[in-house]
Amino acid sequence: MVNRQVVGAHYGLRDWIAQRATAVVMIAYTLLVLLALVMLPKFDYWHWKALWQLDLMRYATVVFLVALLFHAWIGVRNIFMDYIKDAGIRLTLYVVVILALIAYGAWAIQILWGN
């Protein structure tokens, strides 16, 4: 009889589904932006600025950013779990990546709603 030793955090299926779901959100947003660009009457600064004043574009961009940041976190976390064996180094890298992702998200929100 073979004894199997199960290791890891068992994130496999949940992460796989989350990666696919966030990818679908990002693809939908990309199509929305492409459609909006095609529908712009003129591609200049004023029309571009007006496009980003629409609540639809701002909220869609926030949804995209949340999906992107979550997608990035899952990917980086899985890489760290696979290749960084020392728990202390891995935890430090987790904290650095989480802080960077939070900063990027806050910066993006500032750009979207800042004046």
PDB file of N, CA and C in Angstrom:
ATOM      1  N   MET A   1       0.835  -1.180   0.000  1.00  0.00           N
ATOM      2  CA  MET A   1       0.000   0.000   0.000  1.00  0.00           C
ATOM      3  C   MET A   1       0.877   1.238   0.000  1.00  0.00           C
ATOM      4  N   VAL A   2       0.473   2.213  -0.818  1.00  0.00           N
ATOM      5  CA  VAL A   2       1.226   3.459  -0.940  1.00  0.00           C
ATOM      6  C   VAL A   2       0.545   4.536  -0.118  1.00  0.00           C
ATOM      7  N   ASN A   3       1.336   5.162   0.749  1.00  0.00           N
ATOM      8  CA  ASN A   3       0.819   6.291   1.526  1.00  0.00           C
ATOM      9  C   ASN A   3       1.093   7.575   0.770  1.00  0.00           C
ATOM     10  N   ARG A   4       0.053   8.305   0.496  1.00  0.00           N
ATOM     11  CA  ARG A   4       0.223   9.590  -0.173  1.00  0.00           C
ATOM     12  C   ARG A   4       0.366  10.678   0.879  1.00  0.00           C
ATOM     13  N   GLN A   5       1.340  11.519   0.661  1.00  0.00           N
ATOM     14  CA  GLN A   5       1.501  12.660   1.550  1.00  0.00           C
ATOM     15  C   GLN A   5       1.007  13.889   0.785  1.00  0.00           C
ATOM     16  N   VAL A   6      -0.045  14.480   1.288  1.00  0.00           N
ATOM     17  CA  VAL A   6      -0.632  15.648   0.650  1.00  0.00           C
ATOM     18  C   VAL A   6       0.055  16.892   1.191  1.00  0.00           C
ATOM     19  N   VAL A   7       0.566  17.697   0.276  1.00  0.00           N
ATOM     20  CA  VAL A   7       1.231  18.942   0.679  1.00  0.00           C
ATOM     21  C   VAL A   7       0.595  20.103  -0.059  1.00  0.00           C
ATOM     22  N   GLY A   8       0.829  21.302   0.452  1.00  0.00           N
ATOM     23  CA  GLY A   8       0.309  22.494  -0.210  1.00  0.00           C
ATOM     24  C   GLY A   8      -0.941  22.991   0.470  1.00  0.00           C
ATOM     25  N   ALA A   9      -1.447  24.066  -0.059  1.00  0.00           N
ATOM     26  CA  ALA A   9      -2.592  24.719   0.559  1.00  0.00           C
ATOM     27  C   ALA A   9      -3.902  24.370  -0.132  1.00  0.00           C
ATOM     28  N   HIS A  10      -3.876  23.540  -1.144  1.00  0.00           N
ATOM     29  CA  HIS A  10      -5.078  23.080  -1.854  1.00  0.00           C
ATOM     30  C   HIS A  10      -5.852  24.225  -2.502  1.00  0.00           C
ATOM     31  N   TYR A  11      -5.138  25.157  -3.117  1.00  0.00           N
ATOM     32  CA  TYR A  11      -5.785  26.276  -3.782  1.00  0.00           C
ATOM     33  C   TYR A  11      -6.099  25.966  -5.244  1.00  0.00           C
ATOM     34  N   GLY A  12      -5.642  24.866  -5.762  1.00  0.00           N
ATOM     35  CA  GLY A  12      -5.663  24.555  -7.174  1.00  0.00           C
ATOM     36  C   GLY A  12      -6.916  24.917  -7.947  1.00  0.00           C
ATOM     37  N   LEU A  13      -8.012  24.253  -7.692  1.00  0.00           N
ATOM     38  CA  LEU A  13      -9.228  24.468  -8.475  1.00  0.00           C
ATOM     39  C   LEU A  13      -9.780  25.869  -8.253  1.00  0.00           C
ATOM     40  N   ARG A  14      -9.806  26.328  -7.031  1.00  0.00           N
ATOM     41  CA  ARG A  14     -10.321  27.664  -6.734  1.00  0.00           C
ATOM     42  C   ARG A  14      -9.499  28.731  -7.463  1.00  0.00           C
ATOM     43  N   ASP A  15      -8.189  28.592  -7.440  1.00  0.00           N
ATOM     44  CA  ASP A  15      -7.326  29.546  -8.146  1.00  0.00           C
ATOM     45  C   ASP A  15      -7.528  29.471  -9.648  1.00  0.00           C
ATOM     46  N   TRP A  16      -7.659  28.268 -10.168  1.00  0.00           N
ATOM     47  CA  TRP A  16      -7.856  28.087 -11.612  1.00  0.00           C
ATOM     48  C   TRP A  16      -9.143  28.780 -12.050  1.00  0.00           C
ATOM     49  N   ILE A  17     -10.221  28.585 -11.278  1.00  0.00           N
ATOM     50  CA  ILE A  17     -11.503  29.216 -11.602  1.00  0.00           C
ATOM     51  C   ILE A  17     -11.397  30.738 -11.471  1.00  0.00           C
ATOM     52  N   ALA A  18     -10.747  31.209 -10.425  1.00  0.00           N
ATOM     53  CA  ALA A  18     -10.598  32.656 -10.223  1.00  0.00           C
ATOM     54  C   ALA A  18      -9.782  33.287 -11.343  1.00  0.00           C
ATOM     55  N   GLN A  19      -8.722  32.606 -11.774  1.00  0.00           N
ATOM     56  CA  GLN A  19      -7.915  33.130 -12.883  1.00  0.00           C
ATOM     57  C   GLN A  19      -8.759  33.244 -14.143  1.00  0.00           C
ATOM     58  N   ARG A  20      -9.566  32.249 -14.416  1.00  0.00           N
ATOM     59  CA  ARG A  20     -10.402  32.271 -15.631  1.00  0.00           C
ATOM     60  C   ARG A  20     -11.482  33.336 -15.518  1.00  0.00           C
ATOM     61  N   ALA A  21     -12.099  33.468 -14.352  1.00  0.00           N
ATOM     62  CA  ALA A  21     -13.160  34.465 -14.166  1.00  0.00           C
ATOM     63  C   ALA A  21     -12.610  35.881 -14.301  1.00  0.00           C
ATOM     64  N   THR A  22     -11.467  36.136 -13.690  1.00  0.00           N
ATOM     65  CA  THR A  22     -10.882  37.470 -13.813  1.00  0.00           C
ATOM     66  C   THR A  22     -10.428  37.742 -15.237  1.00  0.00           C
ATOM     67  N   ALA A  23      -9.967  36.723 -15.934  1.00  0.00           N
ATOM     68  CA  ALA A  23      -9.581  36.901 -17.336  1.00  0.00           C
ATOM     69  C   ALA A  23     -10.791  37.256 -18.192  1.00  0.00           C
ATOM     70  N   VAL A  24     -11.932  36.650 -17.915  1.00  0.00           N
ATOM     71  CA  VAL A  24     -13.159  36.967 -18.657  1.00  0.00           C
ATOM     72  C   VAL A  24     -13.562  38.422 -18.398  1.00  0.00           C
ATOM     73  N   VAL A  25     -13.463  38.872 -17.157  1.00  0.00           N
ATOM     74  CA  VAL A  25     -13.782  40.265 -16.834  1.00  0.00           C
ATOM     75  C   VAL A  25     -12.846  41.198 -17.595  1.00  0.00           C
ATOM     76  N   MET A  26     -11.556  40.867 -17.636  1.00  0.00           N
ATOM     77  CA  MET A  26     -10.595  41.728 -18.327  1.00  0.00           C
ATOM     78  C   MET A  26     -10.825  41.744 -19.832  1.00  0.00           C
ATOM     79  N   ILE A  27     -11.209  40.616 -20.400  1.00  0.00           N
ATOM     80  CA  ILE A  27     -11.521  40.565 -21.839  1.00  0.00           C
ATOM     81  C   ILE A  27     -12.762  41.400 -22.136  1.00  0.00           C
ATOM     82  N   ALA A  28     -13.789  41.284 -21.310  1.00  0.00           N
ATOM     83  CA  ALA A  28     -15.016  42.067 -21.507  1.00  0.00           C
ATOM     84  C   ALA A  28     -14.714  43.562 -21.433  1.00  0.00           C
ATOM     85  N   TYR A  29     -13.893  43.965 -20.484  1.00  0.00           N
ATOM     86  CA  TYR A  29     -13.523  45.373 -20.362  1.00  0.00           C
ATOM     87  C   TYR A  29     -12.735  45.838 -21.587  1.00  0.00           C
ATOM     88  N   THR A  30     -11.825  45.011 -22.046  1.00  0.00           N
ATOM     89  CA  THR A  30     -11.045  45.362 -23.235  1.00  0.00           C
ATOM     90  C   THR A  30     -11.958  45.574 -24.437  1.00  0.00           C
ATOM     91  N   LEU A  31     -12.943  44.715 -24.595  1.00  0.00           N
ATOM     92  CA  LEU A  31     -13.901  44.877 -25.693  1.00  0.00           C
ATOM     93  C   LEU A  31     -14.722  46.158 -25.517  1.00  0.00           C
ATOM     94  N   LEU A  32     -15.104  46.470 -24.283  1.00  0.00           N
ATOM     95  CA  LEU A  32     -15.842  47.696 -24.012  1.00  0.00           C
ATOM     96  C   LEU A  32     -15.016  48.924 -24.393  1.00  0.00           C
ATOM     97  N   VAL A  33     -13.760  48.942 -23.999  1.00  0.00           N
ATOM     98  CA  VAL A  33     -12.892  50.083 -24.324  1.00  0.00           C
ATOM     99  C   VAL A  33     -12.689  50.188 -25.827  1.00  0.00           C
ATOM    100  N   LEU A  34     -12.461  49.063 -26.494  1.00  0.00           N
ATOM    101  CA  LEU A  34     -12.305  49.102 -27.953  1.00  0.00           C
ATOM    102  C   LEU A  34     -13.562  49.625 -28.627  1.00  0.00           C
ATOM    103  N   LEU A  35     -14.716  49.189 -28.175  1.00  0.00           N
ATOM    104  CA  LEU A  35     -15.982  49.678 -28.721  1.00  0.00           C
ATOM    105  C   LEU A  35     -16.129  51.181 -28.485  1.00  0.00           C
ATOM    106  N   ALA A  36     -15.796  51.625 -27.281  1.00  0.00           N
ATOM    107  CA  ALA A  36     -15.881  53.056 -26.967  1.00  0.00           C
ATOM    108  C   ALA A  36     -14.937  53.867 -27.846  1.00  0.00           C
ATOM    109  N   LEU A  37     -13.745  53.349 -28.094  1.00  0.00           N
ATOM    110  CA  LEU A  37     -12.791  54.062 -28.947  1.00  0.00           C
ATOM    111  C   LEU A  37     -13.283  54.148 -30.385  1.00  0.00           C
ATOM    112  N   VAL A  38     -13.875  53.072 -30.865  1.00  0.00           N
ATOM    113  CA  VAL A  38     -14.403  53.065 -32.228  1.00  0.00           C
ATOM    114  C   VAL A  38     -15.558  54.062 -32.349  1.00  0.00           C
ATOM    115  N   MET A  39     -16.338  54.202 -31.290  1.00  0.00           N
ATOM    116  CA  MET A  39     -17.515  55.074 -31.341  1.00  0.00           C
ATOM    117  C   MET A  39     -17.194  56.544 -31.068  1.00  0.00           C
ATOM    118  N   LEU A  40     -15.967  56.843 -30.665  1.00  0.00           N
ATOM    119  CA  LEU A  40     -15.615  58.247 -30.447  1.00  0.00           C
ATOM    120  C   LEU A  40     -15.716  59.001 -31.776  1.00  0.00           C
ATOM    121  N   PRO A  41     -16.369  60.160 -31.772  1.00  0.00           N
ATOM    122  CA  PRO A  41     -16.487  60.906 -33.028  1.00  0.00           C
ATOM    123  C   PRO A  41     -15.137  61.431 -33.516  1.00  0.00           C
ATOM    124  N   LYS A  42     -14.271  61.737 -32.589  1.00  0.00           N
ATOM    125  CA  LYS A  42     -12.948  62.247 -32.933  1.00  0.00           C
ATOM    126  C   LYS A  42     -11.996  61.825 -31.818  1.00  0.00           C
ATOM    127  N   PHE A  43     -10.829  61.378 -32.186  1.00  0.00           N
ATOM    128  CA  PHE A  43      -9.875  60.914 -31.181  1.00  0.00           C
ATOM    129  C   PHE A  43      -8.934  62.063 -30.825  1.00  0.00           C
ATOM    130  N   ASP A  44      -9.410  62.885 -29.909  1.00  0.00           N
ATOM    131  CA  ASP A  44      -8.575  63.976 -29.414  1.00  0.00           C
ATOM    132  C   ASP A  44      -8.702  64.031 -27.889  1.00  0.00           C
ATOM    133  N   TYR A  45      -7.980  64.950 -27.305  1.00  0.00           N
ATOM    134  CA  TYR A  45      -7.945  65.037 -25.848  1.00  0.00           C
ATOM    135  C   TYR A  45      -9.335  65.235 -25.261  1.00  0.00           C
ATOM    136  N   TRP A  46     -10.133  66.122 -25.803  1.00  0.00           N
ATOM    137  CA  TRP A  46     -11.428  66.470 -25.221  1.00  0.00           C
ATOM    138  C   TRP A  46     -12.409  65.303 -25.267  1.00  0.00           C
ATOM    139  N   HIS A  47     -12.415  64.575 -26.377  1.00  0.00           N
ATOM    140  CA  HIS A  47     -13.298  63.410 -26.461  1.00  0.00           C
ATOM    141  C   HIS A  47     -12.813  62.291 -25.536  1.00  0.00           C
ATOM    142  N   TRP A  48     -11.508  62.128 -25.481  1.00  0.00           N
ATOM    143  CA  TRP A  48     -10.930  61.124 -24.580  1.00  0.00           C
ATOM    144  C   TRP A  48     -11.284  61.442 -23.126  1.00  0.00           C
ATOM    145  N   LYS A  49     -11.140  62.713 -22.746  1.00  0.00           N
ATOM    146  CA  LYS A  49     -11.471  63.130 -21.382  1.00  0.00           C
ATOM    147  C   LYS A  49     -12.959  62.931 -21.100  1.00  0.00           C
ATOM    148  N   ALA A  50     -13.801  63.259 -22.069  1.00  0.00           N
ATOM    149  CA  ALA A  50     -15.244  63.091 -21.903  1.00  0.00           C
ATOM    150  C   ALA A  50     -15.603  61.613 -21.719  1.00  0.00           C
ATOM    151  N   LEU A  51     -14.895  60.748 -22.424  1.00  0.00           N
ATOM    152  CA  LEU A  51     -15.148  59.310 -22.286  1.00  0.00           C
ATOM    153  C   LEU A  51     -14.914  58.867 -20.850  1.00  0.00           C
ATOM    154  N   TRP A  52     -13.855  59.340 -20.222  1.00  0.00           N
ATOM    155  CA  TRP A  52     -13.519  58.919 -18.858  1.00  0.00           C
ATOM    156  C   TRP A  52     -14.312  59.666 -17.800  1.00  0.00           C
ATOM    157  N   GLN A  53     -15.125  60.649 -18.205  1.00  0.00           N
ATOM    158  CA  GLN A  53     -16.035  61.307 -17.270  1.00  0.00           C
ATOM    159  C   GLN A  53     -17.324  60.504 -17.093  1.00  0.00           C
ATOM    160  N   LEU A  54     -17.577  59.572 -17.996  1.00  0.00           N
ATOM    161  CA  LEU A  54     -18.770  58.734 -17.901  1.00  0.00           C
ATOM    162  C   LEU A  54     -18.642  57.763 -16.726  1.00  0.00           C
ATOM    163  N   ASP A  55     -19.697  57.689 -15.918  1.00  0.00           N
ATOM    164  CA  ASP A  55     -19.667  56.766 -14.777  1.00  0.00           C
ATOM    165  C   ASP A  55     -19.487  55.320 -15.227  1.00  0.00           C
ATOM    166  N   LEU A  56     -20.086  54.957 -16.352  1.00  0.00           N
ATOM    167  CA  LEU A  56     -19.942  53.594 -16.871  1.00  0.00           C
ATOM    168  C   LEU A  56     -18.469  53.231 -17.068  1.00  0.00           C
ATOM    169  N   MET A  57     -17.711  54.132 -17.670  1.00  0.00           N
ATOM    170  CA  MET A  57     -16.294  53.835 -17.914  1.00  0.00           C
ATOM    171  C   MET A  57     -15.502  53.799 -16.611  1.00  0.00           C
ATOM    172  N   ARG A  58     -15.822  54.703 -15.713  1.00  0.00           N
ATOM    173  CA  ARG A  58     -15.092  54.719 -14.438  1.00  0.00           C
ATOM    174  C   ARG A  58     -15.356  53.451 -13.629  1.00  0.00           C
ATOM    175  N   TYR A  59     -16.621  53.083 -13.505  1.00  0.00           N
ATOM    176  CA  TYR A  59     -16.942  51.889 -12.716  1.00  0.00           C
ATOM    177  C   TYR A  59     -16.467  50.616 -13.413  1.00  0.00           C
ATOM    178  N   ALA A  60     -16.569  50.579 -14.727  1.00  0.00           N
ATOM    179  CA  ALA A  60     -16.059  49.423 -15.463  1.00  0.00           C
ATOM    180  C   ALA A  60     -14.549  49.309 -15.278  1.00  0.00           C
ATOM    181  N   THR A  61     -13.884  50.440 -15.242  1.00  0.00           N
ATOM    182  CA  THR A  61     -12.433  50.433 -15.031  1.00  0.00           C
ATOM    183  C   THR A  61     -12.088  49.957 -13.626  1.00  0.00           C
ATOM    184  N   VAL A  62     -12.875  50.343 -12.645  1.00  0.00           N
ATOM    185  CA  VAL A  62     -12.634  49.866 -11.276  1.00  0.00           C
ATOM    186  C   VAL A  62     -12.822  48.354 -11.204  1.00  0.00           C
ATOM    187  N   VAL A  63     -13.871  47.848 -11.836  1.00  0.00           N
ATOM    188  CA  VAL A  63     -14.088  46.398 -11.856  1.00  0.00           C
ATOM    189  C   VAL A  63     -12.911  45.709 -12.547  1.00  0.00           C
ATOM    190  N   PHE A  64     -12.458  46.287 -13.656  1.00  0.00           N
ATOM    191  CA  PHE A  64     -11.298  45.746 -14.360  1.00  0.00           C
ATOM    192  C   PHE A  64     -10.067  45.745 -13.454  1.00  0.00           C
ATOM    193  N   LEU A  65      -9.839  46.851 -12.759  1.00  0.00           N
ATOM    194  CA  LEU A  65      -8.662  46.940 -11.894  1.00  0.00           C
ATOM    195  C   LEU A  65      -8.705  45.927 -10.758  1.00  0.00           C
ATOM    196  N   VAL A  66      -9.864  45.748 -10.162  1.00  0.00           N
ATOM    197  CA  VAL A  66      -9.995  44.744  -9.088  1.00  0.00           C
ATOM    198  C   VAL A  66      -9.696  43.355  -9.649  1.00  0.00           C
ATOM    199  N   ALA A  67     -10.255  43.067 -10.828  1.00  0.00           N
ATOM    200  CA  ALA A  67      -9.997  41.765 -11.460  1.00  0.00           C
ATOM    201  C   ALA A  67      -8.516  41.612 -11.787  1.00  0.00           C
ATOM    202  N   LEU A  68      -7.916  42.663 -12.317  1.00  0.00           N
ATOM    203  CA  LEU A  68      -6.495  42.613 -12.676  1.00  0.00           C
ATOM    204  C   LEU A  68      -5.612  42.392 -11.448  1.00  0.00           C
ATOM    205  N   LEU A  69      -5.883  43.144 -10.388  1.00  0.00           N
ATOM    206  CA  LEU A  69      -5.070  43.009  -9.176  1.00  0.00           C
ATOM    207  C   LEU A  69      -5.245  41.630  -8.535  1.00  0.00           C
ATOM    208  N   PHE A  70      -6.471  41.123  -8.513  1.00  0.00           N
ATOM    209  CA  PHE A  70      -6.719  39.786  -7.980  1.00  0.00           C
ATOM    210  C   PHE A  70      -6.035  38.726  -8.851  1.00  0.00           C
ATOM    211  N   HIS A  71      -6.131  38.885 -10.169  1.00  0.00           N
ATOM    212  CA  HIS A  71      -5.494  37.968 -11.119  1.00  0.00           C
ATOM    213  C   HIS A  71      -3.974  37.949 -10.887  1.00  0.00           C
ATOM    214  N   ALA A  72      -3.410  39.138 -10.736  1.00  0.00           N
ATOM    215  CA  ALA A  72      -1.965  39.247 -10.499  1.00  0.00           C
ATOM    216  C   ALA A  72      -1.577  38.604  -9.172  1.00  0.00           C
ATOM    217  N   TRP A  73      -2.368  38.846  -8.132  1.00  0.00           N
ATOM    218  CA  TRP A  73      -2.059  38.275  -6.825  1.00  0.00           C
ATOM    219  C   TRP A  73      -2.054  36.751  -6.872  1.00  0.00           C
ATOM    220  N   ILE A  74      -3.057  36.169  -7.492  1.00  0.00           N
ATOM    221  CA  ILE A  74      -3.136  34.708  -7.562  1.00  0.00           C
ATOM    222  C   ILE A  74      -1.918  34.156  -8.306  1.00  0.00           C
ATOM    223  N   GLY A  75      -1.592  34.761  -9.422  1.00  0.00           N
ATOM    224  CA  GLY A  75      -0.451  34.284 -10.205  1.00  0.00           C
ATOM    225  C   GLY A  75       0.862  34.388  -9.456  1.00  0.00           C
ATOM    226  N   VAL A  76       1.102  35.541  -8.852  1.00  0.00           N
ATOM    227  CA  VAL A  76       2.365  35.746  -8.127  1.00  0.00           C
ATOM    228  C   VAL A  76       2.423  34.847  -6.899  1.00  0.00           C
ATOM    229  N   ARG A  77       1.302  34.742  -6.181  1.00  0.00           N
ATOM    230  CA  ARG A  77       1.285  33.877  -4.998  1.00  0.00           C
ATOM    231  C   ARG A  77       1.594  32.424  -5.369  1.00  0.00           C
ATOM    232  N   ASN A  78       1.015  31.955  -6.454  1.00  0.00           N
ATOM    233  CA  ASN A  78       1.279  30.577  -6.874  1.00  0.00           C
ATOM    234  C   ASN A  78       2.723  30.376  -7.286  1.00  0.00           C
ATOM    235  N   ILE A  79       3.299  31.353  -7.952  1.00  0.00           N
ATOM    236  CA  ILE A  79       4.720  31.262  -8.313  1.00  0.00           C
ATOM    237  C   ILE A  79       5.570  31.202  -7.056  1.00  0.00           C
ATOM    238  N   PHE A  80       5.280  32.070  -6.089  1.00  0.00           N
ATOM    239  CA  PHE A  80       6.036  32.063  -4.839  1.00  0.00           C
ATOM    240  C   PHE A  80       5.879  30.727  -4.108  1.00  0.00           C
ATOM    241  N   MET A  81       4.650  30.188  -4.073  1.00  0.00           N
ATOM    242  CA  MET A  81       4.434  28.906  -3.388  1.00  0.00           C
ATOM    243  C   MET A  81       5.234  27.791  -4.059  1.00  0.00           C
ATOM    244  N   ASP A  82       5.334  27.845  -5.371  1.00  0.00           N
ATOM    245  CA  ASP A  82       6.039  26.792  -6.099  1.00  0.00           C
ATOM    246  C   ASP A  82       7.551  26.905  -6.000  1.00  0.00           C
ATOM    247  N   TYR A  83       8.084  28.127  -6.003  1.00  0.00           N
ATOM    248  CA  TYR A  83       9.522  28.287  -6.173  1.00  0.00           C
ATOM    249  C   TYR A  83      10.263  28.873  -4.985  1.00  0.00           C
ATOM    250  N   ILE A  84       9.591  29.485  -4.034  1.00  0.00           N
ATOM    251  CA  ILE A  84      10.260  30.041  -2.854  1.00  0.00           C
ATOM    252  C   ILE A  84       9.968  29.110  -1.678  1.00  0.00           C
ATOM    253  N   LYS A  85      10.948  28.311  -1.309  1.00  0.00           N
ATOM    254  CA  LYS A  85      10.728  27.285  -0.277  1.00  0.00           C
ATOM    255  C   LYS A  85      10.849  27.835   1.142  1.00  0.00           C
ATOM    256  N   ASP A  86      11.693  28.836   1.352  1.00  0.00           N
ATOM    257  CA  ASP A  86      11.858  29.406   2.686  1.00  0.00           C
ATOM    258  C   ASP A  86      10.626  30.233   3.047  1.00  0.00           C
ATOM    259  N   ALA A  87       9.974  29.873   4.146  1.00  0.00           N
ATOM    260  CA  ALA A  87       8.714  30.515   4.534  1.00  0.00           C
ATOM    261  C   ALA A  87       8.896  31.998   4.867  1.00  0.00           C
ATOM    262  N   GLY A  88       9.989  32.358   5.470  1.00  0.00           N
ATOM    263  CA  GLY A  88      10.233  33.754   5.832  1.00  0.00           C
ATOM    264  C   GLY A  88      10.377  34.641   4.609  1.00  0.00           C
ATOM    265  N   ILE A  89      11.150  34.177   3.644  1.00  0.00           N
ATOM    266  CA  ILE A  89      11.325  34.938   2.403  1.00  0.00           C
ATOM    267  C   ILE A  89       9.999  35.023   1.655  1.00  0.00           C
ATOM    268  N   ARG A  90       9.283  33.909   1.610  1.00  0.00           N
ATOM    269  CA  ARG A  90       8.000  33.889   0.904  1.00  0.00           C
ATOM    270  C   ARG A  90       7.013  34.868   1.548  1.00  0.00           C
ATOM    271  N   LEU A  91       6.928  34.882   2.878  1.00  0.00           N
ATOM    272  CA  LEU A  91       6.036  35.798   3.580  1.00  0.00           C
ATOM    273  C   LEU A  91       6.428  37.251   3.303  1.00  0.00           C
ATOM    274  N   THR A  92       7.714  37.526   3.332  1.00  0.00           N
ATOM    275  CA  THR A  92       8.189  38.882   3.033  1.00  0.00           C
ATOM    276  C   THR A  92       7.792  39.299   1.625  1.00  0.00           C
ATOM    277  N   LEU A  93       7.967  38.409   0.670  1.00  0.00           N
ATOM    278  CA  LEU A  93       7.585  38.708  -0.711  1.00  0.00           C
ATOM    279  C   LEU A  93       6.071  38.891  -0.836  1.00  0.00           C
ATOM    280  N   TYR A  94       5.304  38.103  -0.110  1.00  0.00           N
ATOM    281  CA  TYR A  94       3.849  38.274  -0.108  1.00  0.00           C
ATOM    282  C   TYR A  94       3.477  39.689   0.344  1.00  0.00           C
ATOM    283  N   VAL A  95       4.068  40.117   1.449  1.00  0.00           N
ATOM    284  CA  VAL A  95       3.756  41.438   1.992  1.00  0.00           C
ATOM    285  C   VAL A  95       4.146  42.531   0.999  1.00  0.00           C
ATOM    286  N   VAL A  96       5.314  42.408   0.384  1.00  0.00           N
ATOM    287  CA  VAL A  96       5.764  43.405  -0.592  1.00  0.00           C
ATOM    288  C   VAL A  96       4.800  43.465  -1.776  1.00  0.00           C
ATOM    289  N   VAL A  97       4.402  42.313  -2.290  1.00  0.00           N
ATOM    290  CA  VAL A  97       3.490  42.275  -3.438  1.00  0.00           C
ATOM    291  C   VAL A  97       2.116  42.829  -3.053  1.00  0.00           C
ATOM    292  N   ILE A  98       1.605  42.453  -1.894  1.00  0.00           N
ATOM    293  CA  ILE A  98       0.295  42.958  -1.460  1.00  0.00           C
ATOM    294  C   ILE A  98       0.326  44.474  -1.322  1.00  0.00           C
ATOM    295  N   LEU A  99       1.369  45.006  -0.693  1.00  0.00           N
ATOM    296  CA  LEU A  99       1.474  46.458  -0.549  1.00  0.00           C
ATOM    297  C   LEU A  99       1.575  47.151  -1.907  1.00  0.00           C
ATOM    298  N   ALA A 100       2.331  46.561  -2.823  1.00  0.00           N
ATOM    299  CA  ALA A 100       2.449  47.142  -4.163  1.00  0.00           C
ATOM    300  C   ALA A 100       1.104  47.121  -4.885  1.00  0.00           C
ATOM    301  N   LEU A 101       0.379  46.014  -4.801  1.00  0.00           N
ATOM    302  CA  LEU A 101      -0.925  45.924  -5.467  1.00  0.00           C
ATOM    303  C   LEU A 101      -1.923  46.916  -4.872  1.00  0.00           C
ATOM    304  N   ILE A 102      -1.910  47.084  -3.562  1.00  0.00           N
ATOM    305  CA  ILE A 102      -2.787  48.074  -2.924  1.00  0.00           C
ATOM    306  C   ILE A 102      -2.424  49.478  -3.387  1.00  0.00           C
ATOM    307  N   ALA A 103      -1.128  49.766  -3.447  1.00  0.00           N
ATOM    308  CA  ALA A 103      -0.684  51.085  -3.902  1.00  0.00           C
ATOM    309  C   ALA A 103      -1.096  51.326  -5.351  1.00  0.00           C
ATOM    310  N   TYR A 104      -0.947  50.327  -6.207  1.00  0.00           N
ATOM    311  CA  TYR A 104      -1.352  50.477  -7.605  1.00  0.00           C
ATOM    312  C   TYR A 104      -2.850  50.715  -7.719  1.00  0.00           C
ATOM    313  N   GLY A 105      -3.630  49.992  -6.928  1.00  0.00           N
ATOM    314  CA  GLY A 105      -5.075  50.168  -6.954  1.00  0.00           C
ATOM    315  C   GLY A 105      -5.478  51.560  -6.478  1.00  0.00           C
ATOM    316  N   ALA A 106      -4.872  52.030  -5.404  1.00  0.00           N
ATOM    317  CA  ALA A 106      -5.177  53.366  -4.886  1.00  0.00           C
ATOM    318  C   ALA A 106      -4.773  54.435  -5.902  1.00  0.00           C
ATOM    319  N   TRP A 107      -3.643  54.253  -6.526  1.00  0.00           N
ATOM    320  CA  TRP A 107      -3.170  55.210  -7.532  1.00  0.00           C
ATOM    321  C   TRP A 107      -4.145  55.258  -8.715  1.00  0.00           C
ATOM    322  N   ALA A 108      -4.613  54.107  -9.146  1.00  0.00           N
ATOM    323  CA  ALA A 108      -5.559  54.045 -10.265  1.00  0.00           C
ATOM    324  C   ALA A 108      -6.871  54.739  -9.906  1.00  0.00           C
ATOM    325  N   ILE A 109      -7.349  54.536  -8.687  1.00  0.00           N
ATOM    326  CA  ILE A 109      -8.579  55.200  -8.241  1.00  0.00           C
ATOM    327  C   ILE A 109      -8.367  56.718  -8.211  1.00  0.00           C
ATOM    328  N   GLN A 110      -7.211  57.131  -7.740  1.00  0.00           N
ATOM    329  CA  GLN A 110      -6.892  58.559  -7.718  1.00  0.00           C
ATOM    330  C   GLN A 110      -6.894  59.135  -9.135  1.00  0.00           C
ATOM    331  N   ILE A 111      -6.350  58.413 -10.079  1.00  0.00           N
ATOM    332  CA  ILE A 111      -6.326  58.873 -11.466  1.00  0.00           C
ATOM    333  C   ILE A 111      -7.756  58.968 -12.013  1.00  0.00           C
ATOM    334  N   LEU A 112      -8.575  57.964 -11.721  1.00  0.00           N
ATOM    335  CA  LEU A 112      -9.941  57.952 -12.256  1.00  0.00           C
ATOM    336  C   LEU A 112     -10.823  59.053 -11.672  1.00  0.00           C
ATOM    337  N   TRP A 113     -10.738  59.284 -10.357  1.00  0.00           N
ATOM    338  CA  TRP A 113     -11.621  60.238  -9.714  1.00  0.00           C
ATOM    339  C   TRP A 113     -10.942  61.517  -9.281  1.00  0.00           C
ATOM    340  N   GLY A 114      -9.651  61.635  -9.532  1.00  0.00           N
ATOM    341  CA  GLY A 114      -8.946  62.865  -9.193  1.00  0.00           C
ATOM    342  C   GLY A 114      -9.232  63.955 -10.216  1.00  0.00           C
ATOM    343  N   ASN A 115      -8.940  65.161  -9.860  1.00  0.00           N
ATOM    344  CA  ASN A 115      -9.184  66.269 -10.790  1.00  0.00           C
ATOM    345  C   ASN A 115      -7.936  66.740 -11.427  1.00  0.00           C
TER     346      ASN A 115
END
